[in-house]
């Protein structure tokens, strides 16, 4: 699995930053995926992914019974 990130910054005519996105690229060599997240909500996305990981662990534990 290869994971890469980059930050895209948008600027207004006055040079001020108007928005920033974090782009995450994931590939296993066969199935590339890419998604962008506004930096302003990145912590919320990380929290949601943590919950999803914990849910998957619980589901897998239940399926192994």
C-alpha atoms as a PDB file:
ATOM      1  CA  UNK A   1       0.000   0.000   0.000  1.00  0.00           C
ATOM      2  CA  UNK A   2       1.355   3.401  -0.933  1.00  0.00           C
ATOM      3  CA  UNK A   3      -0.086   6.550   0.626  1.00  0.00           C
ATOM      4  CA  UNK A   4       0.815  10.031  -0.526  1.00  0.00           C
ATOM      5  CA  UNK A   5      -0.482  13.423   0.543  1.00  0.00           C
ATOM      6  CA  UNK A   6      -0.267  16.904  -0.867  1.00  0.00           C
ATOM      7  CA  UNK A   7      -1.731  20.250   0.069  1.00  0.00           C
ATOM      8  CA  UNK A   8      -3.459  22.424  -2.493  1.00  0.00           C
ATOM      9  CA  UNK A   9      -3.691  26.115  -1.649  1.00  0.00           C
ATOM     10  CA  UNK A  10      -6.082  28.513  -3.367  1.00  0.00           C
ATOM     11  CA  UNK A  11      -5.331  32.229  -3.284  1.00  0.00           C
ATOM     12  CA  UNK A  12      -7.400  35.284  -4.092  1.00  0.00           C
ATOM     13  CA  UNK A  13      -6.265  38.081  -6.367  1.00  0.00           C
ATOM     14  CA  UNK A  14      -4.817  39.821  -3.320  1.00  0.00           C
ATOM     15  CA  UNK A  15      -2.571  36.841  -2.521  1.00  0.00           C
ATOM     16  CA  UNK A  16      -4.512  35.790   0.563  1.00  0.00           C
ATOM     17  CA  UNK A  17      -5.202  32.118   1.115  1.00  0.00           C
ATOM     18  CA  UNK A  18      -8.877  31.492   0.395  1.00  0.00           C
ATOM     19  CA  UNK A  19      -8.920  27.722   0.936  1.00  0.00           C
ATOM     20  CA  UNK A  20      -6.664  24.718   1.416  1.00  0.00           C
ATOM     21  CA  UNK A  21      -7.308  21.061   0.706  1.00  0.00           C
ATOM     22  CA  UNK A  22      -5.355  17.978   1.709  1.00  0.00           C
ATOM     23  CA  UNK A  23      -5.365  15.417  -1.087  1.00  0.00           C
ATOM     24  CA  UNK A  24      -4.747  11.824  -0.057  1.00  0.00           C
ATOM     25  CA  UNK A  25      -3.767   9.245  -2.680  1.00  0.00           C
ATOM     26  CA  UNK A  26      -3.926   5.538  -1.842  1.00  0.00           C
ATOM     27  CA  UNK A  27      -2.877   2.702  -4.121  1.00  0.00           C
ATOM     28  CA  UNK A  28      -2.149  -0.977  -3.798  1.00  0.00           C
ATOM     29  CA  UNK A  29      -0.739  -1.000  -7.317  1.00  0.00           C
ATOM     30  CA  UNK A  30      -4.064  -1.993  -8.864  1.00  0.00           C
ATOM     31  CA  UNK A  31      -6.799   0.126  -7.316  1.00  0.00           C
ATOM     32  CA  UNK A  32      -5.808   3.794  -6.988  1.00  0.00           C
ATOM     33  CA  UNK A  33      -8.037   6.043  -4.915  1.00  0.00           C
ATOM     34  CA  UNK A  34      -7.810   9.734  -4.273  1.00  0.00           C
ATOM     35  CA  UNK A  35      -9.840  12.123  -2.201  1.00  0.00           C
ATOM     36  CA  UNK A  36      -9.541  15.706  -1.056  1.00  0.00           C
ATOM     37  CA  UNK A  37     -10.526  17.158   2.279  1.00  0.00           C
ATOM     38  CA  UNK A  38     -10.688  20.837   3.203  1.00  0.00           C
ATOM     39  CA  UNK A  39      -7.996  21.557   5.793  1.00  0.00           C
ATOM     40  CA  UNK A  40     -10.637  23.333   7.891  1.00  0.00           C
ATOM     41  CA  UNK A  41     -12.394  19.998   8.552  1.00  0.00           C
ATOM     42  CA  UNK A  42      -9.370  17.688   8.510  1.00  0.00           C
ATOM     43  CA  UNK A  43      -9.468  17.018  12.269  1.00  0.00           C
ATOM     44  CA  UNK A  44     -13.137  16.018  12.005  1.00  0.00           C
ATOM     45  CA  UNK A  45     -12.333  13.639   9.139  1.00  0.00           C
ATOM     46  CA  UNK A  46      -9.497  12.087  11.155  1.00  0.00           C
ATOM     47  CA  UNK A  47     -11.894  11.605  14.097  1.00  0.00           C
ATOM     48  CA  UNK A  48     -14.488  10.001  11.806  1.00  0.00           C
ATOM     49  CA  UNK A  49     -11.887   7.650  10.328  1.00  0.00           C
ATOM     50  CA  UNK A  50     -10.824   6.644  13.828  1.00  0.00           C
ATOM     51  CA  UNK A  51     -14.442   5.771  14.657  1.00  0.00           C
ATOM     52  CA  UNK A  52     -14.721   3.804  11.394  1.00  0.00           C
ATOM     53  CA  UNK A  53     -11.566   1.860  12.257  1.00  0.00           C
ATOM     54  CA  UNK A  54     -12.898   1.062  15.739  1.00  0.00           C
ATOM     55  CA  UNK A  55     -16.238  -0.029  14.243  1.00  0.00           C
ATOM     56  CA  UNK A  56     -14.460  -2.322  11.770  1.00  0.00           C
ATOM     57  CA  UNK A  57     -12.458  -3.903  14.597  1.00  0.00           C
ATOM     58  CA  UNK A  58     -15.671  -4.550  16.562  1.00  0.00           C
ATOM     59  CA  UNK A  59     -17.444  -6.000  13.518  1.00  0.00           C
ATOM     60  CA  UNK A  60     -14.506  -8.260  12.709  1.00  0.00           C
ATOM     61  CA  UNK A  61     -14.368  -9.487  16.307  1.00  0.00           C
ATOM     62  CA  UNK A  62     -18.081 -10.338  16.123  1.00  0.00           C
ATOM     63  CA  UNK A  63     -17.668 -12.159  12.797  1.00  0.00           C
ATOM     64  CA  UNK A  64     -14.860 -14.317  14.206  1.00  0.00           C
ATOM     65  CA  UNK A  65     -17.122 -15.774  16.905  1.00  0.00           C
END
